[in-house]
Amino acid sequence: MSTEQKVFDDEIQEDAVLERLGYQQELKRSFGLLGMIGFSFSIVTSWTALGGVLIVGVESGGPPVMIYSWIAISIVTLAVAYSMAEICSAYPVAGGQYSWVALLAPPGIARGILAMGATNNFIGANFILGQANLSYPDYTIERWHTVLLAYLIALTATAVNIYMPHLLDRISRGILAWNILSFVIVISVVLACNDHKQPASFVFHDFQNFTGFGTAFTAILGLLQSAFGMCCYDAPAHMTEEMKNASKEAPKAIIMSVYIGAVTGFIFLISICFCIGDITATAESTTGVPLIQIFYDSTQSVVATCFLSSLIAVIVLVCANAILAEGSRSLYAFARDHGLPFSHVFAKVEPKRQVPVYAILLACAVQLALNSIYFGTLTGFNTVISIATEGFYLSYAMPLLVRILARFSGHSKVLDGPYTLGKYGIFLNVIGFVFLLFASITFNFPTINPVNESNMNYTSAAIGVIGVVSLITWITTGRKNFTGPQIGAPNVNVRGVSEKDLGLVTGSDLSGSGIRSEGEMITEKDNVL
């Protein structure tokens, strides 16, 4: 079979799976495995994410909490990633988590959840403004400067997503190489130039506390940095309708992005912690970005510091494109299921570019709204980090929860995708869910003591508002109109290929739904998708 024929057959299979869930293929399948790994890692990009929120770790426990929490969170995150990869393999649909909940939950609780954040724009703005402050010490960074620059980053990402979607795969492959190369350069330069490295006791033992809380509570707060650094690895799940051979390649991209992130993040944290100068000066740096201060303390050069910071800034700016693409595809899928007000608008796909333009604009509007929190509160950055991370973690927890409930309620289903965990699935589901639940609770804690109206963590309030809006939307329109994926949907029409011919292409009669109840008798072996 020629390569072209194989690619065509793989795409027909993926279109068939999508049709069986009740959806018509509308988006262009342009991503390969390497491009999707690059796309996912450009969002996860753990080492730059850890650097962007380094101030959280520096203030809440210091190097020991940063390093040990990273090891622990990386391990339990793998349990979540493997669990999600298995479900994604069986259900490669842009809705991701909320679609999986609707498909896998026991009867009566099959409803979904959607969450996203805009923290990346803050990180990009902070790195750019931090360089400006370092180069021109008389310049004072104001909160409104950060917000306006974050707006610009979001609007630029929106323009790229709307007018240059055909370049996303190439950009993703290119940024993967840039990411790894930048990682090597940053680590090598900092370690080589720094001549006043900290002792091992400072990195692995000495506890730092700038929060005003007790030791145990501060250590829990320090988990936020590591939790944010290992987030967003679900990105391939929301891009499956734009991937070639998504059932096989998307799970690989999810898992590989976590492994790459865990290794690079660990090396980065160890290296940076040895090179931290005065911990108080680093935490209170006028640049607003402790990592920039560490670069300067290590190199003693403004030019070298700006060069290293610019390497990271480029990654963050490209990350903005990927996050917006992921979020907009989630909104598009939700609107396609009539889950949003004006769903008929946000579910539209622009025929020429084959992208959901109105969903992209809505995702941009949500990011701008979240960035605006910084106008009103000094802890707005930490609040948006918490909202972003908790939103993602809750969305990860929901499909794991329904898998666990289904197992104990007798409605468990066997996932027939190419990638399966077998008997280890439920074990990893439970570990992953417990971790996600614990982390989601800690994200609501205040980060500075004493607590007042200007430094309060408003994450719980923001999540509450989202819950109220969701409830109102559900009552007014959702319960009447929301459909969700429909297993075994009729009227298959995959690119003009008949169902009879389609069965010949895929090697099956397509009568299955991609899952089977564990109690069913399987009389013949189906081919994998």
Protein backbone atom coordinates (compact mmCIF):
# COMPACT_ATOMS: atom_id res chain seq x y z
CA MET A 1 0.00 0.00 0.00
CA SER A 2 1.38 3.43 -0.95
CA THR A 3 2.01 6.08 1.69
CA GLU A 4 -0.69 8.28 0.19
CA GLN A 5 -3.23 5.47 0.31
CA LYS A 6 -2.36 4.66 3.93
CA VAL A 7 -2.77 8.30 4.95
CA PHE A 8 -6.11 8.41 3.14
CA ASP A 9 -7.28 5.21 4.84
CA ASP A 10 -6.19 6.48 8.27
CA GLU A 11 -8.12 9.71 7.73
CA ILE A 12 -11.20 7.79 6.62
CA GLN A 13 -11.01 5.70 9.79
CA GLU A 14 -10.81 8.79 11.99
CA ASP A 15 -13.68 10.43 10.10
CA ALA A 16 -15.70 7.26 10.61
CA VAL A 17 -15.12 7.31 14.37
CA LEU A 18 -16.21 10.93 14.44
CA GLU A 19 -19.33 10.16 12.41
CA ARG A 20 -20.25 7.35 14.77
CA LEU A 21 -20.30 9.92 17.57
CA GLY A 22 -22.71 12.03 15.56
CA TYR A 23 -20.30 14.62 14.14
CA GLN A 24 -19.33 15.64 10.62
CA GLN A 25 -15.62 16.18 9.92
CA GLU A 26 -15.23 19.94 9.36
CA LEU A 27 -11.68 20.79 10.42
CA LYS A 28 -8.61 20.09 8.32
CA ARG A 29 -6.38 17.22 9.48
CA SER A 30 -2.92 18.76 9.20
CA PHE A 31 -1.09 17.69 12.38
CA GLY A 32 1.28 14.72 12.48
CA LEU A 33 2.74 13.12 15.62
CA LEU A 34 5.85 15.32 15.78
CA GLY A 35 3.83 18.48 15.19
CA MET A 36 1.35 17.51 17.91
CA ILE A 37 4.12 16.71 20.40
CA GLY A 38 5.53 20.15 19.64
CA PHE A 39 2.08 21.71 19.96
CA SER A 40 1.40 20.00 23.29
CA PHE A 41 4.86 20.64 24.73
CA SER A 42 4.69 24.29 23.66
CA ILE A 43 1.75 24.53 26.11
CA VAL A 44 3.09 22.21 28.82
CA THR A 45 6.71 23.47 28.33
CA SER A 46 7.28 22.75 31.99
CA TRP A 47 10.65 24.41 32.42
CA THR A 48 9.49 27.79 31.10
CA ALA A 49 6.20 27.51 33.00
CA LEU A 50 8.12 26.84 36.20
CA GLY A 51 10.33 29.81 35.47
CA GLY A 52 7.35 32.04 34.78
CA VAL A 53 5.77 31.32 38.18
CA LEU A 54 9.05 30.90 40.04
CA ILE A 55 8.04 33.62 42.48
CA VAL A 56 5.35 31.31 43.87
CA GLY A 57 7.90 28.64 44.73
CA VAL A 58 10.52 31.09 46.00
CA GLU A 59 8.07 32.63 48.47
CA SER A 60 6.32 29.39 49.47
CA GLY A 61 8.95 26.98 50.73
CA GLY A 62 11.85 27.78 48.45
CA PRO A 63 14.03 25.24 46.57
CA PRO A 64 13.26 22.13 48.66
CA VAL A 65 9.50 22.46 48.15
CA MET A 66 9.98 23.33 44.48
CA ILE A 67 12.12 20.27 43.76
CA TYR A 68 10.45 17.60 45.89
CA SER A 69 6.94 18.69 44.93
CA TRP A 70 7.96 18.59 41.26
CA ILE A 71 9.10 14.98 41.56
CA ALA A 72 5.88 13.95 43.31
CA ILE A 73 3.56 15.82 40.99
CA SER A 74 5.33 14.50 37.89
CA ILE A 75 4.80 10.92 39.08
CA VAL A 76 1.11 11.28 39.88
CA THR A 77 0.56 13.32 36.71
CA LEU A 78 1.65 10.30 34.71
CA ALA A 79 -1.27 8.39 36.24
CA VAL A 80 -3.61 11.10 34.96
CA ALA A 81 -1.93 11.30 31.54
CA TYR A 82 -2.07 7.54 30.96
CA SER A 83 -5.74 7.50 31.99
CA MET A 84 -6.60 10.34 29.64
CA ALA A 85 -4.58 8.82 26.81
CA GLU A 86 -6.62 5.61 27.03
CA ILE A 87 -9.91 7.49 26.80
CA CYS A 88 -8.61 9.76 24.03
CA SER A 89 -7.62 6.72 21.98
CA ALA A 90 -11.19 5.42 22.06
CA TYR A 91 -12.81 8.86 21.64
CA PRO A 92 -10.69 11.19 19.51
CA VAL A 93 -13.12 14.11 19.59
CA ALA A 94 -12.39 17.85 20.06
CA GLY A 95 -14.67 18.09 23.10
CA GLY A 96 -12.10 16.15 25.07
CA GLN A 97 -12.97 15.78 28.74
CA TYR A 98 -16.59 16.90 28.63
CA SER A 99 -17.33 14.56 25.72
CA TRP A 100 -15.66 11.69 27.56
CA VAL A 101 -17.79 12.35 30.63
CA ALA A 102 -20.95 12.26 28.54
CA LEU A 103 -19.89 9.00 26.91
CA LEU A 104 -18.52 7.10 29.90
CA ALA A 105 -20.64 8.18 32.84
CA PRO A 106 -23.27 5.85 34.29
CA PRO A 107 -26.80 6.72 33.13
CA GLY A 108 -28.14 9.93 34.67
CA ILE A 109 -24.88 11.80 35.28
CA ALA A 110 -23.50 12.13 31.74
CA ARG A 111 -22.79 15.86 31.56
CA GLY A 112 -19.53 17.75 30.91
CA ILE A 113 -17.29 20.57 32.05
CA LEU A 114 -15.15 23.13 30.27
CA ALA A 115 -12.41 25.32 31.70
CA MET A 116 -9.52 27.39 30.45
CA GLY A 117 -7.27 30.19 31.62
CA ALA A 118 -5.14 33.09 30.45
CA THR A 119 -2.08 32.82 32.71
CA ASN A 120 0.29 32.41 29.78
CA ASN A 121 -0.38 35.97 28.64
CA PHE A 122 0.66 37.24 32.09
CA ILE A 123 3.89 35.25 31.94
CA GLY A 124 4.75 36.61 28.49
CA ALA A 125 3.99 40.17 29.59
CA ASN A 126 6.07 39.75 32.76
CA PHE A 127 9.11 38.50 30.85
CA ILE A 128 8.96 41.38 28.37
CA LEU A 129 8.40 44.08 31.00
CA GLY A 130 11.03 42.51 33.25
CA GLN A 131 13.63 42.92 30.52
CA ALA A 132 12.57 46.55 30.09
CA ASN A 133 13.03 47.19 33.82
CA LEU A 134 16.45 45.51 33.81
CA SER A 135 17.61 47.54 30.81
CA TYR A 136 16.16 50.80 32.11
CA PRO A 137 16.19 50.73 35.94
CA ASP A 138 14.27 54.01 36.15
CA TYR A 139 11.28 52.33 34.51
CA THR A 140 8.69 51.15 37.03
CA ILE A 141 6.38 48.30 36.05
CA GLU A 142 2.75 49.08 36.79
CA ARG A 143 -0.05 46.53 36.93
CA TRP A 144 -1.86 48.15 34.04
CA HIS A 145 1.28 47.80 31.90
CA THR A 146 1.19 44.04 32.47
CA VAL A 147 -2.51 43.78 31.69
CA LEU A 148 -2.30 45.79 28.46
CA LEU A 149 0.68 43.77 27.22
CA ALA A 150 -1.18 40.58 28.09
CA TYR A 151 -4.08 41.89 25.99
CA LEU A 152 -1.70 42.43 23.06
CA ILE A 153 -0.37 38.88 23.33
CA ALA A 154 -3.91 37.47 23.33
CA LEU A 155 -4.96 39.57 20.32
CA THR A 156 -1.84 38.59 18.39
CA ALA A 157 -2.52 34.91 19.07
CA THR A 158 -6.09 35.43 17.89
CA ALA A 159 -4.91 36.91 14.59
CA VAL A 160 -2.50 34.02 14.00
CA ASN A 161 -5.21 31.43 14.76
CA ILE A 162 -7.69 33.05 12.39
CA TYR A 163 -5.49 34.10 9.48
CA MET A 164 -2.64 31.57 9.59
CA PRO A 165 -4.10 28.25 10.81
CA HIS A 166 -2.29 26.37 8.04
CA LEU A 167 1.01 27.26 9.74
CA LEU A 168 0.18 25.84 13.18
CA ASP A 169 1.68 22.40 12.46
CA ARG A 170 4.91 23.92 11.11
CA ILE A 171 5.09 26.37 14.00
CA SER A 172 4.59 23.50 16.45
CA ARG A 173 7.41 21.44 14.94
CA GLY A 174 9.68 24.46 14.85
CA ILE A 175 8.97 25.49 18.44
CA LEU A 176 9.74 21.96 19.66
CA ALA A 177 13.29 22.32 18.32
CA TRP A 178 13.51 25.92 19.61
CA ASN A 179 12.25 24.79 23.03
CA ILE A 180 14.82 22.04 23.48
CA LEU A 181 17.66 24.19 22.10
CA SER A 182 16.71 27.10 24.37
CA PHE A 183 16.60 24.74 27.35
CA VAL A 184 20.15 23.55 26.67
CA ILE A 185 21.42 27.12 26.14
CA VAL A 186 19.80 28.52 29.29
CA ILE A 187 21.01 25.72 31.56
CA SER A 188 24.52 25.71 30.09
CA VAL A 189 25.00 29.48 30.28
CA VAL A 190 23.65 29.86 33.82
CA LEU A 191 25.69 26.98 35.24
CA ALA A 192 28.88 28.04 33.41
CA CYS A 193 28.68 31.74 34.29
CA ASN A 194 27.52 31.52 37.89
CA ASP A 195 30.54 31.57 40.25
CA HIS A 196 28.67 31.80 43.53
CA LYS A 197 26.47 28.71 43.55
CA GLN A 198 24.43 27.83 46.59
CA PRO A 199 25.38 24.84 48.78
CA ALA A 200 23.43 21.61 48.50
CA SER A 201 21.79 22.28 51.86
CA PHE A 202 20.15 25.43 50.48
CA VAL A 203 18.76 23.54 47.46
CA PHE A 204 17.58 20.39 49.19
CA HIS A 205 17.01 21.32 52.83
CA ASP A 206 16.63 24.99 53.82
CA PHE A 207 12.99 26.01 53.98
CA GLN A 208 12.07 29.56 52.87
CA ASN A 209 8.87 31.29 53.94
CA PHE A 210 7.72 34.72 52.79
CA THR A 211 3.99 34.07 53.11
CA GLY A 212 3.33 34.77 56.78
CA PHE A 213 1.75 31.33 57.25
CA GLY A 214 3.09 28.32 59.13
CA THR A 215 5.53 25.83 57.63
CA ALA A 216 3.04 23.09 56.68
CA PHE A 217 0.54 25.46 55.10
CA THR A 218 3.30 27.26 53.20
CA ALA A 219 4.57 23.95 51.79
CA ILE A 220 1.07 23.19 50.50
CA LEU A 221 0.95 26.62 48.86
CA GLY A 222 4.26 25.83 47.17
CA LEU A 223 2.60 22.98 45.31
CA LEU A 224 0.88 25.55 43.09
CA GLN A 225 4.08 26.24 41.15
CA SER A 226 4.67 22.58 40.33
CA ALA A 227 0.99 22.00 39.60
CA PHE A 228 0.96 24.85 37.10
CA GLY A 229 4.23 23.64 35.60
CA MET A 230 2.64 20.26 34.85
CA CYS A 231 -0.62 21.31 33.25
CA CYS A 232 -2.34 21.48 29.85
CA TYR A 233 -1.08 18.09 28.61
CA ASP A 234 -4.64 17.41 27.45
CA ALA A 235 -4.04 19.69 24.43
CA PRO A 236 -3.82 16.85 21.86
CA ALA A 237 -7.28 15.63 22.94
CA HIS A 238 -8.84 18.90 21.77
CA MET A 239 -6.94 18.83 18.47
CA THR A 240 -7.77 15.25 17.48
CA GLU A 241 -10.11 16.37 14.71
CA GLU A 242 -7.12 18.11 13.13
CA MET A 243 -4.71 15.18 13.55
CA LYS A 244 -3.82 12.40 11.17
CA ASN A 245 -4.38 8.96 12.72
CA ALA A 246 -5.54 10.65 15.92
CA SER A 247 -6.60 7.47 17.74
CA LYS A 248 -3.01 6.27 17.82
CA GLU A 249 -0.99 9.46 17.73
CA ALA A 250 -2.91 11.72 20.18
CA PRO A 251 -2.34 9.38 23.18
CA LYS A 252 1.38 9.28 22.36
CA ALA A 253 1.52 13.07 22.24
CA ILE A 254 -0.24 13.37 25.63
CA ILE A 255 2.16 10.99 27.36
CA MET A 256 5.34 12.17 25.63
CA SER A 257 4.67 15.80 26.55
CA VAL A 258 4.47 14.80 30.23
CA TYR A 259 7.69 12.78 30.14
CA ILE A 260 9.60 15.54 28.32
CA GLY A 261 8.15 18.12 30.69
CA ALA A 262 9.05 16.12 33.80
CA VAL A 263 12.69 15.62 32.79
CA THR A 264 13.32 19.16 31.54
CA GLY A 265 11.49 20.65 34.53
CA PHE A 266 13.56 18.66 37.03
CA ILE A 267 16.89 19.60 35.42
CA PHE A 268 15.78 23.24 35.20
CA LEU A 269 14.76 23.48 38.85
CA ILE A 270 17.96 21.87 40.13
CA SER A 271 20.13 24.16 38.00
CA ILE A 272 18.26 27.36 38.81
CA CYS A 273 18.07 26.66 42.54
CA PHE A 274 21.86 26.24 42.74
CA CYS A 275 22.25 29.58 40.95
CA ILE A 276 19.81 31.64 43.05
CA GLY A 277 21.56 34.57 44.72
CA ASP A 278 20.13 36.33 47.74
CA ILE A 279 16.70 34.76 48.22
CA THR A 280 15.08 37.97 49.47
CA ALA A 281 16.47 40.08 46.63
CA THR A 282 15.34 37.44 44.13
CA ALA A 283 11.81 37.31 45.52
CA GLU A 284 11.55 41.12 45.59
CA SER A 285 13.24 41.79 42.24
CA THR A 286 12.07 45.01 40.58
CA THR A 287 11.79 43.07 37.31
CA GLY A 288 8.82 41.21 38.77
CA VAL A 289 10.33 37.96 37.46
CA PRO A 290 12.74 36.16 39.83
CA LEU A 291 14.15 34.13 36.93
CA ILE A 292 15.36 37.29 35.19
CA GLN A 293 17.10 38.32 38.41
CA ILE A 294 18.76 34.88 38.62
CA PHE A 295 19.96 35.23 35.00
CA TYR A 296 21.46 38.63 35.81
CA ASP A 297 23.05 37.50 39.07
CA SER A 298 24.62 34.58 37.20
CA THR A 299 25.88 36.39 34.09
CA GLN A 300 26.33 39.95 35.47
CA SER A 301 25.33 41.11 31.99
CA VAL A 302 22.16 42.90 30.92
CA VAL A 303 22.62 41.77 27.33
CA ALA A 304 23.10 38.10 28.26
CA THR A 305 20.13 38.25 30.62
CA CYS A 306 17.87 39.75 27.96
CA PHE A 307 19.07 37.14 25.45
CA LEU A 308 18.22 34.24 27.77
CA SER A 309 14.90 35.84 28.73
CA SER A 310 14.04 36.42 25.07
CA LEU A 311 14.52 32.72 24.32
CA ILE A 312 11.81 31.99 26.89
CA ALA A 313 9.62 34.90 25.75
CA VAL A 314 9.46 33.44 22.24
CA ILE A 315 8.30 30.11 23.65
CA VAL A 316 5.64 31.83 25.73
CA LEU A 317 4.37 33.83 22.75
CA VAL A 318 4.06 30.69 20.62
CA CYS A 319 2.41 29.00 23.59
CA ALA A 320 -0.26 31.71 23.45
CA ASN A 321 -1.18 30.51 19.95
CA ALA A 322 -1.43 26.91 21.05
CA ILE A 323 -3.48 27.65 24.18
CA LEU A 324 -5.92 29.75 22.18
CA ALA A 325 -6.24 27.01 19.57
CA GLU A 326 -6.89 24.39 22.26
CA GLY A 327 -9.42 26.55 24.10
CA SER A 328 -11.26 27.57 20.96
CA ARG A 329 -11.62 23.95 19.83
CA SER A 330 -13.14 23.11 23.21
CA LEU A 331 -15.63 25.95 22.83
CA TYR A 332 -16.36 24.94 19.25
CA ALA A 333 -17.06 21.35 20.30
CA PHE A 334 -19.27 22.49 23.19
CA ALA A 335 -21.21 24.81 20.90
CA ARG A 336 -21.55 22.01 18.34
CA ASP A 337 -23.38 20.08 21.07
CA HIS A 338 -25.61 23.12 21.74
CA GLY A 339 -24.02 23.64 25.15
CA LEU A 340 -23.54 27.41 24.88
CA PRO A 341 -25.83 30.39 24.35
CA PHE A 342 -25.76 31.28 20.64
CA SER A 343 -24.27 27.87 19.92
CA HIS A 344 -25.19 28.15 16.24
CA VAL A 345 -22.74 31.07 16.00
CA PHE A 346 -19.80 29.59 17.92
CA ALA A 347 -20.12 26.21 16.16
CA LYS A 348 -19.62 27.75 12.72
CA VAL A 349 -16.47 26.78 10.84
CA GLU A 350 -15.10 29.25 8.30
CA PRO A 351 -15.11 27.17 5.10
CA LYS A 352 -12.01 28.63 3.45
CA ARG A 353 -9.61 28.37 6.41
CA GLN A 354 -11.50 25.53 8.12
CA VAL A 355 -11.28 27.09 11.59
CA PRO A 356 -14.03 28.06 14.10
CA VAL A 357 -13.52 31.84 13.92
CA TYR A 358 -16.26 32.84 16.38
CA ALA A 359 -15.08 30.25 18.93
CA ILE A 360 -11.56 31.69 18.64
CA LEU A 361 -12.92 35.19 19.28
CA LEU A 362 -14.87 33.94 22.31
CA ALA A 363 -11.77 32.23 23.71
CA CYS A 364 -9.85 35.48 23.28
CA ALA A 365 -12.60 37.41 25.10
CA VAL A 366 -12.43 34.99 28.05
CA GLN A 367 -8.65 35.42 28.25
CA LEU A 368 -8.97 39.21 28.23
CA ALA A 369 -11.55 39.06 31.01
CA LEU A 370 -9.31 36.88 33.19
CA ASN A 371 -6.30 39.11 32.55
CA SER A 372 -8.38 42.06 33.76
CA ILE A 373 -8.46 40.59 37.29
CA TYR A 374 -4.98 42.04 37.79
CA PHE A 375 -6.42 45.53 37.57
CA GLY A 376 -8.27 45.01 40.85
CA THR A 377 -6.03 42.91 43.09
CA LEU A 378 -2.32 42.76 43.96
CA THR A 379 -2.48 38.96 43.95
CA GLY A 380 -4.21 38.89 40.58
CA PHE A 381 -1.33 36.95 39.00
CA ASN A 382 -1.52 34.18 41.60
CA THR A 383 -5.33 34.23 41.38
CA VAL A 384 -5.31 33.73 37.61
CA ILE A 385 -2.70 30.96 37.99
CA SER A 386 -5.00 29.27 40.51
CA ILE A 387 -8.10 29.70 38.33
CA ALA A 388 -6.28 28.34 35.29
CA THR A 389 -4.76 25.36 37.06
CA GLU A 390 -7.86 24.47 39.06
CA GLY A 391 -10.02 24.73 35.94
CA PHE A 392 -7.82 22.32 34.04
CA TYR A 393 -7.43 19.95 36.98
CA LEU A 394 -11.17 19.77 37.57
CA SER A 395 -11.71 19.02 33.89
CA TYR A 396 -9.13 16.22 34.14
CA ALA A 397 -10.78 14.83 37.26
CA MET A 398 -14.29 14.51 35.79
CA PRO A 399 -13.65 11.70 33.26
CA LEU A 400 -11.56 9.83 35.83
CA LEU A 401 -14.37 10.15 38.36
CA VAL A 402 -17.00 8.77 35.99
CA ARG A 403 -14.71 5.87 35.10
CA ILE A 404 -14.40 5.06 38.81
CA LEU A 405 -18.15 5.45 39.44
CA ALA A 406 -18.96 3.33 36.41
CA ARG A 407 -16.69 0.57 37.66
CA PHE A 408 -18.36 0.42 41.08
CA SER A 409 -21.91 0.88 39.74
CA GLY A 410 -21.65 -1.99 37.31
CA HIS A 411 -21.75 0.18 34.17
CA SER A 412 -18.03 0.08 33.37
CA LYS A 413 -17.14 0.04 29.70
CA VAL A 414 -14.17 -1.49 27.90
CA LEU A 415 -12.37 1.11 25.80
CA ASP A 416 -11.59 -0.38 22.42
CA GLY A 417 -9.13 2.19 21.17
CA PRO A 418 -5.64 1.21 19.97
CA TYR A 419 -4.17 2.28 23.32
CA THR A 420 -5.43 0.54 26.46
CA LEU A 421 -4.30 0.24 30.08
CA GLY A 422 -5.99 -3.09 30.70
CA LYS A 423 -6.26 -4.15 34.34
CA TYR A 424 -4.10 -1.23 35.49
CA GLY A 425 -6.63 1.34 34.33
CA ILE A 426 -8.73 1.57 37.49
CA PHE A 427 -5.59 1.76 39.68
CA LEU A 428 -4.23 4.72 37.72
CA ASN A 429 -7.70 6.33 37.59
CA VAL A 430 -7.96 6.33 41.40
CA ILE A 431 -4.43 7.67 41.97
CA GLY A 432 -4.94 10.41 39.41
CA PHE A 433 -8.34 11.43 40.74
CA VAL A 434 -7.22 11.66 44.38
CA PHE A 435 -4.29 13.86 43.39
CA LEU A 436 -6.45 16.14 41.22
CA LEU A 437 -9.04 16.53 43.97
CA PHE A 438 -6.43 17.41 46.59
CA ALA A 439 -4.71 19.90 44.28
CA SER A 440 -7.98 21.55 43.27
CA ILE A 441 -8.79 22.23 46.93
CA THR A 442 -5.39 23.80 47.68
CA PHE A 443 -5.69 26.23 44.76
CA ASN A 444 -8.34 28.15 46.71
CA PHE A 445 -6.14 28.97 49.69
CA PRO A 446 -4.91 32.56 50.27
CA THR A 447 -1.18 32.98 49.59
CA ILE A 448 -0.31 35.87 51.91
CA ASN A 449 -0.97 36.39 55.62
CA PRO A 450 -2.61 38.48 56.99
CA VAL A 451 -5.37 38.23 54.43
CA ASN A 452 -7.21 41.36 53.28
CA GLU A 453 -9.32 42.45 50.32
CA SER A 454 -6.28 43.38 48.20
CA ASN A 455 -4.33 40.10 48.55
CA MET A 456 -7.21 37.64 48.89
CA ASN A 457 -7.23 34.62 46.61
CA TYR A 458 -10.47 35.02 44.68
CA THR A 459 -10.23 31.68 42.90
CA SER A 460 -13.17 30.18 44.81
CA ALA A 461 -15.29 33.23 43.95
CA ALA A 462 -14.32 32.99 40.28
CA ILE A 463 -15.07 29.27 40.17
CA GLY A 464 -18.37 30.00 41.91
CA VAL A 465 -19.29 32.60 39.30
CA ILE A 466 -18.46 30.12 36.55
CA GLY A 467 -20.65 27.55 38.31
CA VAL A 468 -23.57 29.96 38.62
CA VAL A 469 -23.28 31.02 34.97
CA SER A 470 -23.12 27.36 33.94
CA LEU A 471 -26.17 26.52 36.05
CA ILE A 472 -28.17 29.41 34.59
CA THR A 473 -27.13 28.43 31.08
CA TRP A 474 -28.10 24.84 31.77
CA ILE A 475 -31.51 25.76 33.15
CA THR A 476 -32.36 28.27 30.42
CA THR A 477 -31.03 26.52 27.32
CA GLY A 478 -28.71 23.61 28.02
CA ARG A 479 -31.15 21.04 29.39
CA LYS A 480 -33.38 21.52 26.36
CA ASN A 481 -30.75 21.75 23.63
CA PHE A 482 -27.55 20.07 24.78
CA THR A 483 -26.97 16.83 22.89
CA GLY A 484 -23.44 15.61 23.53
CA PRO A 485 -21.82 12.89 21.45
CA GLN A 486 -24.24 10.23 20.24
CA ILE A 487 -22.85 6.70 20.14
CA GLY A 488 -23.69 4.86 16.93
CA ALA A 489 -25.21 7.91 15.24
CA PRO A 490 -26.98 7.06 11.99
CA ASN A 491 -26.55 8.54 8.52
CA VAL A 492 -22.83 8.09 8.17
CA ASN A 493 -21.46 10.31 5.42
CA VAL A 494 -17.70 10.33 5.50
CA ARG A 495 -16.37 12.36 2.61
CA GLY A 496 -18.84 10.84 0.24
CA VAL A 497 -17.89 7.24 1.00
CA SER A 498 -20.80 4.86 1.54
CA GLU A 499 -21.13 2.92 4.78
CA LYS A 500 -20.68 -0.33 2.86
CA ASP A 501 -17.46 0.87 1.25
CA LEU A 502 -16.36 2.40 4.51
CA GLY A 503 -16.51 -0.97 6.16
CA LEU A 504 -14.10 -2.29 3.55
CA VAL A 505 -11.68 0.55 4.23
CA THR A 506 -11.68 0.26 8.00
CA GLY A 507 -11.82 -3.46 8.24
CA SER A 508 -14.98 -3.50 10.38
CA ASP A 509 -18.71 -3.19 9.95
CA LEU A 510 -18.73 0.01 12.01
CA SER A 511 -21.61 -1.28 14.05
CA GLY A 512 -19.63 -0.81 17.27
CA SER A 513 -19.49 2.32 19.29
CA GLY A 514 -15.86 2.20 20.36
CA ILE A 515 -16.80 0.83 23.79
CA ARG A 516 -18.43 -2.27 25.15
CA SER A 517 -19.84 -3.08 28.52
CA GLU A 518 -17.51 -5.37 30.41
CA GLY A 519 -20.42 -7.76 30.84
CA GLU A 520 -21.00 -8.22 27.12
CA MET A 521 -19.84 -11.37 25.35
CA ILE A 522 -17.47 -10.53 22.49
CA THR A 523 -17.84 -13.25 19.86
CA GLU A 524 -15.26 -12.02 17.39
CA LYS A 525 -12.14 -9.92 17.55
CA ASP A 526 -12.55 -6.43 16.14
CA ASN A 527 -9.70 -4.69 14.41
CA VAL A 528 -8.37 -1.64 16.22
CA LEU A 529 -9.35 1.68 14.74
